[in-house]
Amino acid sequence: MLTTTEVTKVKKAAKPDKLSDGGGLYLEVTPAGGKHWRYRFRLEGKECTYTLGKYPWRV
């Protein structure tokens, strides 16, 4: 399970990086430094990805 400290310490890289949180949920870090929550799952045998939002959450 990812913690807030781990997520805030992540630096941008040359190519997208994925930090797994378990159960198909992961945080994708883009080369521009953006952080996006994504959920990967299979539906009828096809791999699908659902974007949940940016980190940190803005309400």
PDB file of N, CA and C in Angstrom:
ATOM      1  N   MET A   1       0.839  -1.176   0.000  1.00  0.00           N
ATOM      2  CA  MET A   1       0.000   0.000   0.000  1.00  0.00           C
ATOM      3  C   MET A   1       0.888   1.245   0.000  1.00  0.00           C
ATOM      4  N   LEU A   2       0.591   2.161  -0.902  1.00  0.00           N
ATOM      5  CA  LEU A   2       1.363   3.395  -0.997  1.00  0.00           C
ATOM      6  C   LEU A   2       0.988   4.354   0.124  1.00  0.00           C
ATOM      7  N   THR A   3       1.987   5.065   0.608  1.00  0.00           N
ATOM      8  CA  THR A   3       1.743   6.086   1.624  1.00  0.00           C
ATOM      9  C   THR A   3       1.914   7.459   0.991  1.00  0.00           C
ATOM     10  N   THR A   4       1.419   8.473   1.647  1.00  0.00           N
ATOM     11  CA  THR A   4       1.549   9.838   1.161  1.00  0.00           C
ATOM     12  C   THR A   4       3.012  10.230   1.008  1.00  0.00           C
ATOM     13  N   THR A   5       3.844   9.819   1.953  1.00  0.00           N
ATOM     14  CA  THR A   5       5.268  10.121   1.904  1.00  0.00           C
ATOM     15  C   THR A   5       5.922   9.514   0.676  1.00  0.00           C
ATOM     16  N   GLU A   6       5.615   8.252   0.369  1.00  0.00           N
ATOM     17  CA  GLU A   6       6.182   7.593  -0.802  1.00  0.00           C
ATOM     18  C   GLU A   6       5.782   8.303  -2.086  1.00  0.00           C
ATOM     19  N   VAL A   7       4.531   8.695  -2.182  1.00  0.00           N
ATOM     20  CA  VAL A   7       4.016   9.331  -3.391  1.00  0.00           C
ATOM     21  C   VAL A   7       4.632  10.717  -3.587  1.00  0.00           C
ATOM     22  N   THR A   8       4.771  11.494  -2.535  1.00  0.00           N
ATOM     23  CA  THR A   8       5.316  12.844  -2.669  1.00  0.00           C
ATOM     24  C   THR A   8       6.809  12.831  -2.984  1.00  0.00           C
ATOM     25  N   LYS A   9       7.526  11.770  -2.632  1.00  0.00           N
ATOM     26  CA  LYS A   9       8.963  11.681  -2.899  1.00  0.00           C
ATOM     27  C   LYS A   9       9.288  11.243  -4.327  1.00  0.00           C
ATOM     28  N   VAL A  10       8.295  10.781  -5.073  1.00  0.00           N
ATOM     29  CA  VAL A  10       8.514  10.291  -6.430  1.00  0.00           C
ATOM     30  C   VAL A  10       8.873  11.453  -7.347  1.00  0.00           C
ATOM     31  N   LYS A  11       9.943  11.277  -8.105  1.00  0.00           N
ATOM     32  CA  LYS A  11      10.398  12.297  -9.060  1.00  0.00           C
ATOM     33  C   LYS A  11       9.966  11.908 -10.463  1.00  0.00           C
ATOM     34  N   LYS A  12       9.826  12.896 -11.341  1.00  0.00           N
ATOM     35  CA  LYS A  12       9.492  12.597 -12.730  1.00  0.00           C
ATOM     36  C   LYS A  12      10.669  11.883 -13.390  1.00  0.00           C
ATOM     37  N   ALA A  13      10.361  11.042 -14.354  1.00  0.00           N
ATOM     38  CA  ALA A  13      11.378  10.242 -15.044  1.00  0.00           C
ATOM     39  C   ALA A  13      11.282  10.482 -16.544  1.00  0.00           C
ATOM     40  N   ALA A  14      12.195   9.873 -17.296  1.00  0.00           N
ATOM     41  CA  ALA A  14      12.220  10.043 -18.749  1.00  0.00           C
ATOM     42  C   ALA A  14      11.002   9.415 -19.422  1.00  0.00           C
ATOM     43  N   LYS A  15      10.451   8.363 -18.825  1.00  0.00           N
ATOM     44  CA  LYS A  15       9.252   7.730 -19.377  1.00  0.00           C
ATOM     45  C   LYS A  15       8.280   7.440 -18.235  1.00  0.00           C
ATOM     46  N   PRO A  16       7.004   7.216 -18.537  1.00  0.00           N
ATOM     47  CA  PRO A  16       6.013   6.995 -17.474  1.00  0.00           C
ATOM     48  C   PRO A  16       6.403   5.855 -16.531  1.00  0.00           C
ATOM     49  N   ASP A  17       6.159   6.070 -15.245  1.00  0.00           N
ATOM     50  CA  ASP A  17       6.478   5.098 -14.208  1.00  0.00           C
ATOM     51  C   ASP A  17       5.196   4.721 -13.493  1.00  0.00           C
ATOM     52  N   LYS A  18       5.090   3.462 -13.056  1.00  0.00           N
ATOM     53  CA  LYS A  18       3.889   2.982 -12.364  1.00  0.00           C
ATOM     54  C   LYS A  18       4.262   2.518 -10.971  1.00  0.00           C
ATOM     55  N   LEU A  19       3.524   2.995  -9.973  1.00  0.00           N
ATOM     56  CA  LEU A  19       3.700   2.570  -8.586  1.00  0.00           C
ATOM     57  C   LEU A  19       2.457   1.810  -8.170  1.00  0.00           C
ATOM     58  N   SER A  20       2.594   0.523  -7.924  1.00  0.00           N
ATOM     59  CA  SER A  20       1.443  -0.322  -7.615  1.00  0.00           C
ATOM     60  C   SER A  20       0.973  -0.117  -6.176  1.00  0.00           C
ATOM     61  N   ASP A  21      -0.343  -0.075  -6.017  1.00  0.00           N
ATOM     62  CA  ASP A  21      -0.958   0.015  -4.691  1.00  0.00           C
ATOM     63  C   ASP A  21      -1.653  -1.303  -4.350  1.00  0.00           C
ATOM     64  N   GLY A  22      -1.732  -2.216  -5.304  1.00  0.00           N
ATOM     65  CA  GLY A  22      -2.336  -3.520  -5.077  1.00  0.00           C
ATOM     66  C   GLY A  22      -3.731  -3.634  -5.649  1.00  0.00           C
ATOM     67  N   GLY A  23      -4.096  -4.832  -6.053  1.00  0.00           N
ATOM     68  CA  GLY A  23      -5.439  -5.097  -6.554  1.00  0.00           C
ATOM     69  C   GLY A  23      -5.774  -4.424  -7.872  1.00  0.00           C
ATOM     70  N   GLY A  24      -4.758  -4.048  -8.654  1.00  0.00           N
ATOM     71  CA  GLY A  24      -4.998  -3.410  -9.934  1.00  0.00           C
ATOM     72  C   GLY A  24      -4.914  -1.892  -9.896  1.00  0.00           C
ATOM     73  N   LEU A  25      -4.865  -1.303  -8.697  1.00  0.00           N
ATOM     74  CA  LEU A  25      -4.772   0.148  -8.555  1.00  0.00           C
ATOM     75  C   LEU A  25      -3.303   0.560  -8.582  1.00  0.00           C
ATOM     76  N   TYR A  26      -2.991   1.601  -9.370  1.00  0.00           N
ATOM     77  CA  TYR A  26      -1.617   2.093  -9.399  1.00  0.00           C
ATOM     78  C   TYR A  26      -1.595   3.591  -9.660  1.00  0.00           C
ATOM     79  N   LEU A  27      -0.473   4.205  -9.330  1.00  0.00           N
ATOM     80  CA  LEU A  27      -0.259   5.623  -9.565  1.00  0.00           C
ATOM     81  C   LEU A  27       0.723   5.736 -10.720  1.00  0.00           C
ATOM     82  N   GLU A  28       0.326   6.424 -11.784  1.00  0.00           N
ATOM     83  CA  GLU A  28       1.204   6.608 -12.927  1.00  0.00           C
ATOM     84  C   GLU A  28       1.818   8.005 -12.847  1.00  0.00           C
ATOM     85  N   VAL A  29       3.163   8.062 -12.923  1.00  0.00           N
ATOM     86  CA  VAL A  29       3.893   9.321 -12.889  1.00  0.00           C
ATOM     87  C   VAL A  29       4.371   9.612 -14.305  1.00  0.00           C
ATOM     88  N   THR A  30       3.966  10.742 -14.858  1.00  0.00           N
ATOM     89  CA  THR A  30       4.308  11.090 -16.237  1.00  0.00           C
ATOM     90  C   THR A  30       5.658  11.805 -16.297  1.00  0.00           C
ATOM     91  N   PRO A  31       6.262  11.877 -17.486  1.00  0.00           N
ATOM     92  CA  PRO A  31       7.525  12.600 -17.631  1.00  0.00           C
ATOM     93  C   PRO A  31       7.416  14.089 -17.256  1.00  0.00           C
ATOM     94  N   ALA A  32       6.236  14.663 -17.382  1.00  0.00           N
ATOM     95  CA  ALA A  32       6.024  16.069 -17.008  1.00  0.00           C
ATOM     96  C   ALA A  32       5.859  16.243 -15.499  1.00  0.00           C
ATOM     97  N   GLY A  33       5.748  15.134 -14.763  1.00  0.00           N
ATOM     98  CA  GLY A  33       5.612  15.194 -13.312  1.00  0.00           C
ATOM     99  C   GLY A  33       4.195  15.010 -12.811  1.00  0.00           C
ATOM    100  N   GLY A  34       3.233  14.808 -13.702  1.00  0.00           N
ATOM    101  CA  GLY A  34       1.849  14.572 -13.289  1.00  0.00           C
ATOM    102  C   GLY A  34       1.686  13.208 -12.645  1.00  0.00           C
ATOM    103  N   LYS A  35       0.771  13.106 -11.711  1.00  0.00           N
ATOM    104  CA  LYS A  35       0.495  11.846 -11.016  1.00  0.00           C
ATOM    105  C   LYS A  35      -0.988  11.540 -11.152  1.00  0.00           C
ATOM    106  N   HIS A  36      -1.286  10.359 -11.709  1.00  0.00           N
ATOM    107  CA  HIS A  36      -2.671   9.989 -11.992  1.00  0.00           C
ATOM    108  C   HIS A  36      -2.970   8.607 -11.435  1.00  0.00           C
ATOM    109  N   TRP A  37      -4.099   8.469 -10.730  1.00  0.00           N
ATOM    110  CA  TRP A  37      -4.552   7.178 -10.239  1.00  0.00           C
ATOM    111  C   TRP A  37      -5.245   6.438 -11.365  1.00  0.00           C
ATOM    112  N   ARG A  38      -4.867   5.183 -11.568  1.00  0.00           N
ATOM    113  CA  ARG A  38      -5.474   4.354 -12.607  1.00  0.00           C
ATOM    114  C   ARG A  38      -5.783   2.969 -12.025  1.00  0.00           C
ATOM    115  N   TYR A  39      -6.806   2.339 -12.595  1.00  0.00           N
ATOM    116  CA  TYR A  39      -7.216   1.006 -12.166  1.00  0.00           C
ATOM    117  C   TYR A  39      -7.225   0.103 -13.388  1.00  0.00           C
ATOM    118  N   ARG A  40      -6.470  -0.986 -13.337  1.00  0.00           N
ATOM    119  CA  ARG A  40      -6.385  -1.929 -14.457  1.00  0.00           C
ATOM    120  C   ARG A  40      -7.200  -3.173 -14.119  1.00  0.00           C
ATOM    121  N   PHE A  41      -8.015  -3.633 -15.081  1.00  0.00           N
ATOM    122  CA  PHE A  41      -8.855  -4.803 -14.866  1.00  0.00           C
ATOM    123  C   PHE A  41      -9.124  -5.491 -16.196  1.00  0.00           C
ATOM    124  N   ARG A  42      -9.714  -6.671 -16.135  1.00  0.00           N
ATOM    125  CA  ARG A  42     -10.073  -7.414 -17.345  1.00  0.00           C
ATOM    126  C   ARG A  42     -11.588  -7.489 -17.427  1.00  0.00           C
ATOM    127  N   LEU A  43     -12.091  -7.277 -18.647  1.00  0.00           N
ATOM    128  CA  LEU A  43     -13.515  -7.352 -18.914  1.00  0.00           C
ATOM    129  C   LEU A  43     -13.690  -8.190 -20.164  1.00  0.00           C
ATOM    130  N   GLU A  44     -14.323  -9.337 -20.011  1.00  0.00           N
ATOM    131  CA  GLU A  44     -14.522 -10.293 -21.104  1.00  0.00           C
ATOM    132  C   GLU A  44     -13.204 -10.646 -21.787  1.00  0.00           C
ATOM    133  N   GLY A  45     -12.151 -10.813 -20.973  1.00  0.00           N
ATOM    134  CA  GLY A  45     -10.842 -11.225 -21.478  1.00  0.00           C
ATOM    135  C   GLY A  45      -9.975 -10.110 -22.018  1.00  0.00           C
ATOM    136  N   LYS A  46     -10.484  -8.886 -22.085  1.00  0.00           N
ATOM    137  CA  LYS A  46      -9.708  -7.758 -22.588  1.00  0.00           C
ATOM    138  C   LYS A  46      -9.224  -6.907 -21.420  1.00  0.00           C
ATOM    139  N   GLU A  47      -7.976  -6.469 -21.517  1.00  0.00           N
ATOM    140  CA  GLU A  47      -7.436  -5.611 -20.474  1.00  0.00           C
ATOM    141  C   GLU A  47      -7.970  -4.192 -20.653  1.00  0.00           C
ATOM    142  N   CYS A  48      -8.454  -3.608 -19.554  1.00  0.00           N
ATOM    143  CA  CYS A  48      -9.014  -2.269 -19.570  1.00  0.00           C
ATOM    144  C   CYS A  48      -8.345  -1.431 -18.483  1.00  0.00           C
ATOM    145  N   THR A  49      -8.281  -0.127 -18.708  1.00  0.00           N
ATOM    146  CA  THR A  49      -7.731   0.793 -17.715  1.00  0.00           C
ATOM    147  C   THR A  49      -8.734   1.913 -17.498  1.00  0.00           C
ATOM    148  N   TYR A  50      -8.995   2.229 -16.238  1.00  0.00           N
ATOM    149  CA  TYR A  50      -9.920   3.283 -15.867  1.00  0.00           C
ATOM    150  C   TYR A  50      -9.140   4.333 -15.081  1.00  0.00           C
ATOM    151  N   THR A  51      -9.194   5.587 -15.508  1.00  0.00           N
ATOM    152  CA  THR A  51      -8.507   6.672 -14.813  1.00  0.00           C
ATOM    153  C   THR A  51      -9.438   7.244 -13.752  1.00  0.00           C
ATOM    154  N   LEU A  52      -8.944   7.299 -12.513  1.00  0.00           N
ATOM    155  CA  LEU A  52      -9.756   7.769 -11.401  1.00  0.00           C
ATOM    156  C   LEU A  52      -9.577   9.256 -11.112  1.00  0.00           C
ATOM    157  N   GLY A  53      -8.381   9.782 -11.366  1.00  0.00           N
ATOM    158  CA  GLY A  53      -8.145  11.205 -11.136  1.00  0.00           C
ATOM    159  C   GLY A  53      -6.693  11.496 -10.847  1.00  0.00           C
ATOM    160  N   LYS A  54      -6.410  12.763 -10.566  1.00  0.00           N
ATOM    161  CA  LYS A  54      -5.052  13.215 -10.308  1.00  0.00           C
ATOM    162  C   LYS A  54      -4.707  13.101  -8.828  1.00  0.00           C
ATOM    163  N   TYR A  55      -3.410  13.073  -8.553  1.00  0.00           N
ATOM    164  CA  TYR A  55      -2.919  13.154  -7.181  1.00  0.00           C
ATOM    165  C   TYR A  55      -2.239  14.503  -7.043  1.00  0.00           C
ATOM    166  N   PRO A  56      -2.445  15.253  -6.039  1.00  0.00           N
ATOM    167  CA  PRO A  56      -3.386  15.049  -4.932  1.00  0.00           C
ATOM    168  C   PRO A  56      -4.801  15.412  -5.360  1.00  0.00           C
ATOM    169  N   TRP A  57      -5.769  14.820  -4.670  1.00  0.00           N
ATOM    170  CA  TRP A  57      -7.177  15.077  -4.964  1.00  0.00           C
ATOM    171  C   TRP A  57      -7.496  16.532  -4.671  1.00  0.00           C
ATOM    172  N   ARG A  58      -8.228  17.165  -5.547  1.00  0.00           N
ATOM    173  CA  ARG A  58      -8.665  18.543  -5.342  1.00  0.00           C
ATOM    174  C   ARG A  58     -10.199  18.544  -5.251  1.00  0.00           C
ATOM    175  N   VAL A  59     -10.698  19.053  -4.157  1.00  0.00           N
ATOM    176  CA  VAL A  59     -12.149  19.089  -3.964  1.00  0.00           C
ATOM    177  C   VAL A  59     -12.631  20.512  -3.964  1.00  0.00           C
TER     178      VAL A  59
END
